[in-house]
């Protein structure tokens, strides 16, 4: 494109710098309809109405969002791909005259295939537990509270968990173990009697 001549560029700048005359502005403003007066409080009501709508929207949306979160949590399964398996087992334990009666808990860990399982073990007061120490040995824990909880990671082929009681009574032991393969809840009820 050829350049714009100097005299034309100067004329265009002068035209842009010009403004409308006072008479033209007066005449244009007089033709506009008059703006109705609004009290200041009405504008406040409008903003309150808008806030009220948002507030109601949030109140209505909150239960829906909570239901959605619960559905996602249930659908996700808490990390496990299969539903929880529950089982209960009752055993009678003959107590010796002196000392503790030890027994193995036959956990259904085969449900985890080759996956490591996180085990949550809950025992009542006066129950001893033999847990793996991670170095091939075992740690013995004695519950001296109303209930004691233990958490460990268990691999296929690990030594069984063992519990011991020394006093006659009924003892409920709850075990929950989870992996990517399964979720299992087991309840062992031990009835200890001395002959």
C-alpha atoms as a PDB file:
ATOM      1  CA  UNK A   1       0.000   0.000   0.000  1.00  0.00           C
ATOM      2  CA  UNK A   2       1.333   3.452  -0.847  1.00  0.00           C
ATOM      3  CA  UNK A   3       1.977   5.863   2.020  1.00  0.00           C
ATOM      4  CA  UNK A   4      -0.695   8.453   2.910  1.00  0.00           C
ATOM      5  CA  UNK A   5       0.184  11.975   1.739  1.00  0.00           C
ATOM      6  CA  UNK A   6       1.307  14.391   4.459  1.00  0.00           C
ATOM      7  CA  UNK A   7      -1.505  16.912   3.958  1.00  0.00           C
ATOM      8  CA  UNK A   8      -4.187  14.174   4.167  1.00  0.00           C
ATOM      9  CA  UNK A   9      -2.668  12.736   7.414  1.00  0.00           C
ATOM     10  CA  UNK A  10      -2.635  16.278   8.952  1.00  0.00           C
ATOM     11  CA  UNK A  11      -6.292  16.819   7.999  1.00  0.00           C
ATOM     12  CA  UNK A  12      -7.302  13.513   9.553  1.00  0.00           C
ATOM     13  CA  UNK A  13      -5.522  14.385  12.823  1.00  0.00           C
ATOM     14  CA  UNK A  14      -7.269  17.757  12.931  1.00  0.00           C
ATOM     15  CA  UNK A  15     -10.665  16.108  12.310  1.00  0.00           C
ATOM     16  CA  UNK A  16     -10.078  13.590  15.143  1.00  0.00           C
ATOM     17  CA  UNK A  17      -9.123  16.401  17.528  1.00  0.00           C
ATOM     18  CA  UNK A  18     -12.372  18.278  16.881  1.00  0.00           C
ATOM     19  CA  UNK A  19     -15.221  17.778  19.330  1.00  0.00           C
ATOM     20  CA  UNK A  20     -18.952  18.439  18.957  1.00  0.00           C
ATOM     21  CA  UNK A  21     -20.191  21.964  19.530  1.00  0.00           C
ATOM     22  CA  UNK A  22     -21.964  22.883  22.755  1.00  0.00           C
ATOM     23  CA  UNK A  23     -25.224  23.395  20.883  1.00  0.00           C
ATOM     24  CA  UNK A  24     -25.066  19.898  19.383  1.00  0.00           C
ATOM     25  CA  UNK A  25     -24.461  18.327  22.806  1.00  0.00           C
ATOM     26  CA  UNK A  26     -27.361  20.308  24.348  1.00  0.00           C
ATOM     27  CA  UNK A  27     -29.723  19.320  21.571  1.00  0.00           C
ATOM     28  CA  UNK A  28     -28.772  15.603  21.809  1.00  0.00           C
ATOM     29  CA  UNK A  29     -29.219  15.504  25.586  1.00  0.00           C
ATOM     30  CA  UNK A  30     -32.583  17.233  25.410  1.00  0.00           C
ATOM     31  CA  UNK A  31     -33.923  14.501  23.129  1.00  0.00           C
ATOM     32  CA  UNK A  32     -33.105  11.703  25.652  1.00  0.00           C
ATOM     33  CA  UNK A  33     -35.979  10.583  27.954  1.00  0.00           C
ATOM     34  CA  UNK A  34     -35.587  11.586  31.577  1.00  0.00           C
ATOM     35  CA  UNK A  35     -34.221   8.938  33.917  1.00  0.00           C
ATOM     36  CA  UNK A  36     -36.662   7.929  36.677  1.00  0.00           C
ATOM     37  CA  UNK A  37     -35.468   8.551  40.220  1.00  0.00           C
ATOM     38  CA  UNK A  38     -34.686   5.414  42.232  1.00  0.00           C
ATOM     39  CA  UNK A  39     -34.338   5.458  45.964  1.00  0.00           C
ATOM     40  CA  UNK A  40     -30.973   4.257  47.255  1.00  0.00           C
ATOM     41  CA  UNK A  41     -32.601   1.522  49.369  1.00  0.00           C
ATOM     42  CA  UNK A  42     -34.051  -0.224  46.294  1.00  0.00           C
ATOM     43  CA  UNK A  43     -30.587  -0.895  44.927  1.00  0.00           C
ATOM     44  CA  UNK A  44     -29.715  -2.469  48.296  1.00  0.00           C
ATOM     45  CA  UNK A  45     -32.782  -4.700  48.058  1.00  0.00           C
ATOM     46  CA  UNK A  46     -31.681  -5.888  44.644  1.00  0.00           C
ATOM     47  CA  UNK A  47     -28.273  -6.911  45.946  1.00  0.00           C
ATOM     48  CA  UNK A  48     -29.917  -8.579  48.951  1.00  0.00           C
ATOM     49  CA  UNK A  49     -32.235 -10.467  46.573  1.00  0.00           C
ATOM     50  CA  UNK A  50     -29.249 -11.593  44.518  1.00  0.00           C
ATOM     51  CA  UNK A  51     -27.426 -12.707  47.678  1.00  0.00           C
ATOM     52  CA  UNK A  52     -30.569 -14.479  48.860  1.00  0.00           C
ATOM     53  CA  UNK A  53     -30.809 -16.386  45.580  1.00  0.00           C
ATOM     54  CA  UNK A  54     -27.193 -17.497  45.894  1.00  0.00           C
ATOM     55  CA  UNK A  55     -27.751 -18.501  49.505  1.00  0.00           C
ATOM     56  CA  UNK A  56     -30.815 -20.627  48.582  1.00  0.00           C
ATOM     57  CA  UNK A  57     -28.913 -22.139  45.681  1.00  0.00           C
ATOM     58  CA  UNK A  58     -26.114 -23.161  48.024  1.00  0.00           C
ATOM     59  CA  UNK A  59     -28.578 -24.614  50.544  1.00  0.00           C
ATOM     60  CA  UNK A  60     -30.282 -26.644  47.814  1.00  0.00           C
ATOM     61  CA  UNK A  61     -27.006 -27.761  46.245  1.00  0.00           C
ATOM     62  CA  UNK A  62     -25.315 -28.873  49.514  1.00  0.00           C
ATOM     63  CA  UNK A  63     -27.348 -32.097  50.017  1.00  0.00           C
ATOM     64  CA  UNK A  64     -26.969 -32.975  46.340  1.00  0.00           C
ATOM     65  CA  UNK A  65     -23.191 -32.553  46.570  1.00  0.00           C
ATOM     66  CA  UNK A  66     -23.093 -34.621  49.770  1.00  0.00           C
ATOM     67  CA  UNK A  67     -25.089 -37.409  48.108  1.00  0.00           C
ATOM     68  CA  UNK A  68     -22.741 -37.299  45.139  1.00  0.00           C
ATOM     69  CA  UNK A  69     -19.699 -37.566  47.439  1.00  0.00           C
ATOM     70  CA  UNK A  70     -21.207 -40.583  49.219  1.00  0.00           C
ATOM     71  CA  UNK A  71     -22.003 -42.237  45.880  1.00  0.00           C
ATOM     72  CA  UNK A  72     -18.435 -41.693  44.671  1.00  0.00           C
ATOM     73  CA  UNK A  73     -17.051 -43.074  47.928  1.00  0.00           C
ATOM     74  CA  UNK A  74     -19.270 -46.163  47.744  1.00  0.00           C
ATOM     75  CA  UNK A  75     -18.585 -46.690  44.051  1.00  0.00           C
ATOM     76  CA  UNK A  76     -14.858 -46.344  44.675  1.00  0.00           C
ATOM     77  CA  UNK A  77     -15.038 -49.052  47.319  1.00  0.00           C
ATOM     78  CA  UNK A  78     -12.388 -47.394  49.498  1.00  0.00           C
ATOM     79  CA  UNK A  79      -9.594 -48.804  47.345  1.00  0.00           C
ATOM     80  CA  UNK A  80     -10.906 -52.333  46.925  1.00  0.00           C
ATOM     81  CA  UNK A  81     -12.438 -53.557  43.684  1.00  0.00           C
ATOM     82  CA  UNK A  82     -14.782 -56.085  45.272  1.00  0.00           C
ATOM     83  CA  UNK A  83     -17.455 -55.803  47.961  1.00  0.00           C
ATOM     84  CA  UNK A  84     -16.646 -56.577  51.571  1.00  0.00           C
ATOM     85  CA  UNK A  85     -16.708 -60.207  52.665  1.00  0.00           C
ATOM     86  CA  UNK A  86     -17.862 -60.778  56.231  1.00  0.00           C
ATOM     87  CA  UNK A  87     -17.553 -63.887  58.312  1.00  0.00           C
ATOM     88  CA  UNK A  88     -17.828 -64.901  61.924  1.00  0.00           C
ATOM     89  CA  UNK A  89     -16.263 -67.827  63.772  1.00  0.00           C
ATOM     90  CA  UNK A  90     -16.816 -69.065  67.326  1.00  0.00           C
ATOM     91  CA  UNK A  91     -14.315 -71.188  69.219  1.00  0.00           C
ATOM     92  CA  UNK A  92     -14.131 -72.796  72.625  1.00  0.00           C
ATOM     93  CA  UNK A  93     -10.778 -72.468  74.364  1.00  0.00           C
ATOM     94  CA  UNK A  94      -9.675 -74.799  77.157  1.00  0.00           C
ATOM     95  CA  UNK A  95      -7.506 -72.843  79.585  1.00  0.00           C
ATOM     96  CA  UNK A  96      -4.529 -74.529  81.271  1.00  0.00           C
ATOM     97  CA  UNK A  97      -4.207 -74.420  85.046  1.00  0.00           C
ATOM     98  CA  UNK A  98      -1.414 -71.871  84.741  1.00  0.00           C
ATOM     99  CA  UNK A  99      -0.492 -69.512  81.903  1.00  0.00           C
ATOM    100  CA  UNK A 100      -2.166 -68.612  78.641  1.00  0.00           C
ATOM    101  CA  UNK A 101      -3.948 -70.606  75.949  1.00  0.00           C
ATOM    102  CA  UNK A 102      -2.626 -69.562  72.527  1.00  0.00           C
ATOM    103  CA  UNK A 103      -4.532 -70.027  69.288  1.00  0.00           C
ATOM    104  CA  UNK A 104      -4.044 -69.009  65.656  1.00  0.00           C
ATOM    105  CA  UNK A 105      -6.570 -66.809  63.879  1.00  0.00           C
ATOM    106  CA  UNK A 106      -7.283 -68.416  60.515  1.00  0.00           C
ATOM    107  CA  UNK A 107      -7.673 -65.234  58.481  1.00  0.00           C
ATOM    108  CA  UNK A 108      -9.097 -65.453  54.983  1.00  0.00           C
ATOM    109  CA  UNK A 109      -6.051 -63.771  53.475  1.00  0.00           C
ATOM    110  CA  UNK A 110      -6.245 -66.008  50.379  1.00  0.00           C
ATOM    111  CA  UNK A 111      -8.851 -63.511  49.092  1.00  0.00           C
ATOM    112  CA  UNK A 112      -6.042 -61.002  48.497  1.00  0.00           C
ATOM    113  CA  UNK A 113      -4.219 -63.193  45.943  1.00  0.00           C
ATOM    114  CA  UNK A 114      -0.620 -61.954  45.811  1.00  0.00           C
ATOM    115  CA  UNK A 115      -1.458 -58.438  47.044  1.00  0.00           C
ATOM    116  CA  UNK A 116      -0.245 -57.260  50.466  1.00  0.00           C
ATOM    117  CA  UNK A 117      -3.157 -56.615  52.820  1.00  0.00           C
ATOM    118  CA  UNK A 118      -3.466 -53.920  55.469  1.00  0.00           C
ATOM    119  CA  UNK A 119      -4.742 -55.630  58.620  1.00  0.00           C
ATOM    120  CA  UNK A 120      -6.587 -53.867  61.450  1.00  0.00           C
ATOM    121  CA  UNK A 121      -6.834 -56.067  64.537  1.00  0.00           C
ATOM    122  CA  UNK A 122      -8.955 -55.081  67.531  1.00  0.00           C
ATOM    123  CA  UNK A 123      -8.837 -57.110  70.745  1.00  0.00           C
ATOM    124  CA  UNK A 124     -10.491 -56.691  74.159  1.00  0.00           C
ATOM    125  CA  UNK A 125      -8.766 -56.256  77.491  1.00  0.00           C
ATOM    126  CA  UNK A 126      -6.597 -59.122  78.832  1.00  0.00           C
ATOM    127  CA  UNK A 127      -5.906 -60.605  75.383  1.00  0.00           C
ATOM    128  CA  UNK A 128      -2.336 -61.121  74.247  1.00  0.00           C
ATOM    129  CA  UNK A 129      -1.470 -60.822  70.553  1.00  0.00           C
ATOM    130  CA  UNK A 130       1.560 -62.197  68.718  1.00  0.00           C
ATOM    131  CA  UNK A 131       2.337 -59.929  65.739  1.00  0.00           C
ATOM    132  CA  UNK A 132       5.123 -60.248  63.149  1.00  0.00           C
ATOM    133  CA  UNK A 133       7.983 -57.839  63.885  1.00  0.00           C
ATOM    134  CA  UNK A 134       9.006 -57.445  60.232  1.00  0.00           C
ATOM    135  CA  UNK A 135      12.306 -59.290  60.717  1.00  0.00           C
ATOM    136  CA  UNK A 136      10.982 -62.855  60.762  1.00  0.00           C
ATOM    137  CA  UNK A 137      10.257 -62.838  64.497  1.00  0.00           C
ATOM    138  CA  UNK A 138       7.207 -61.935  66.538  1.00  0.00           C
ATOM    139  CA  UNK A 139       6.226 -59.213  68.970  1.00  0.00           C
ATOM    140  CA  UNK A 140       3.912 -60.008  71.851  1.00  0.00           C
ATOM    141  CA  UNK A 141       1.472 -57.289  72.874  1.00  0.00           C
ATOM    142  CA  UNK A 142      -0.735 -57.469  75.973  1.00  0.00           C
ATOM    143  CA  UNK A 143      -3.929 -55.399  75.918  1.00  0.00           C
ATOM    144  CA  UNK A 144      -4.410 -53.636  79.241  1.00  0.00           C
ATOM    145  CA  UNK A 145      -7.120 -51.211  78.097  1.00  0.00           C
ATOM    146  CA  UNK A 146     -10.792 -51.776  77.369  1.00  0.00           C
ATOM    147  CA  UNK A 147      -9.920 -52.362  73.667  1.00  0.00           C
ATOM    148  CA  UNK A 148      -6.615 -52.296  71.802  1.00  0.00           C
ATOM    149  CA  UNK A 149      -6.047 -51.786  68.077  1.00  0.00           C
ATOM    150  CA  UNK A 150      -3.116 -52.945  65.990  1.00  0.00           C
ATOM    151  CA  UNK A 151      -2.356 -52.200  62.353  1.00  0.00           C
ATOM    152  CA  UNK A 152       0.083 -54.093  60.162  1.00  0.00           C
ATOM    153  CA  UNK A 153       0.751 -55.053  56.559  1.00  0.00           C
ATOM    154  CA  UNK A 154       0.445 -58.743  55.904  1.00  0.00           C
ATOM    155  CA  UNK A 155       1.898 -60.621  52.938  1.00  0.00           C
ATOM    156  CA  UNK A 156       0.841 -64.000  51.615  1.00  0.00           C
ATOM    157  CA  UNK A 157       2.711 -66.740  53.433  1.00  0.00           C
ATOM    158  CA  UNK A 158       3.311 -64.724  56.629  1.00  0.00           C
ATOM    159  CA  UNK A 159       3.039 -66.574  59.930  1.00  0.00           C
ATOM    160  CA  UNK A 160      -0.514 -66.625  61.287  1.00  0.00           C
ATOM    161  CA  UNK A 161      -1.642 -64.088  63.861  1.00  0.00           C
ATOM    162  CA  UNK A 162      -1.989 -65.631  67.307  1.00  0.00           C
ATOM    163  CA  UNK A 163      -3.965 -64.567  70.344  1.00  0.00           C
ATOM    164  CA  UNK A 164      -3.904 -65.812  73.923  1.00  0.00           C
ATOM    165  CA  UNK A 165      -6.222 -65.574  76.907  1.00  0.00           C
ATOM    166  CA  UNK A 166      -5.576 -66.543  80.526  1.00  0.00           C
ATOM    167  CA  UNK A 167      -8.926 -65.911  82.222  1.00  0.00           C
ATOM    168  CA  UNK A 168     -12.301 -67.598  81.634  1.00  0.00           C
ATOM    169  CA  UNK A 169     -14.756 -65.453  79.679  1.00  0.00           C
ATOM    170  CA  UNK A 170     -16.072 -64.461  76.286  1.00  0.00           C
ATOM    171  CA  UNK A 171     -13.728 -62.475  74.050  1.00  0.00           C
ATOM    172  CA  UNK A 172     -14.657 -60.812  70.724  1.00  0.00           C
ATOM    173  CA  UNK A 173     -11.806 -60.144  68.328  1.00  0.00           C
ATOM    174  CA  UNK A 174     -12.440 -58.049  65.208  1.00  0.00           C
ATOM    175  CA  UNK A 175     -10.136 -58.220  62.197  1.00  0.00           C
ATOM    176  CA  UNK A 176     -10.436 -56.184  59.015  1.00  0.00           C
ATOM    177  CA  UNK A 177      -8.012 -56.711  56.135  1.00  0.00           C
ATOM    178  CA  UNK A 178      -8.044 -54.856  52.821  1.00  0.00           C
ATOM    179  CA  UNK A 179      -6.106 -54.865  49.583  1.00  0.00           C
ATOM    180  CA  UNK A 180      -6.722 -53.907  45.971  1.00  0.00           C
ATOM    181  CA  UNK A 181      -8.246 -57.385  45.524  1.00  0.00           C
ATOM    182  CA  UNK A 182     -10.645 -57.691  48.458  1.00  0.00           C
ATOM    183  CA  UNK A 183     -12.022 -56.294  51.711  1.00  0.00           C
ATOM    184  CA  UNK A 184     -12.643 -58.848  54.437  1.00  0.00           C
ATOM    185  CA  UNK A 185     -14.150 -58.397  57.911  1.00  0.00           C
ATOM    186  CA  UNK A 186     -13.801 -61.243  60.345  1.00  0.00           C
ATOM    187  CA  UNK A 187     -15.124 -61.676  63.870  1.00  0.00           C
ATOM    188  CA  UNK A 188     -13.747 -64.326  66.201  1.00  0.00           C
ATOM    189  CA  UNK A 189     -15.644 -65.098  69.387  1.00  0.00           C
ATOM    190  CA  UNK A 190     -13.555 -67.021  71.905  1.00  0.00           C
ATOM    191  CA  UNK A 191     -15.230 -68.667  74.880  1.00  0.00           C
ATOM    192  CA  UNK A 192     -12.522 -69.547  77.378  1.00  0.00           C
ATOM    193  CA  UNK A 193     -13.251 -72.105  80.099  1.00  0.00           C
ATOM    194  CA  UNK A 194     -11.029 -73.734  82.690  1.00  0.00           C
ATOM    195  CA  UNK A 195     -11.555 -77.479  83.221  1.00  0.00           C
END
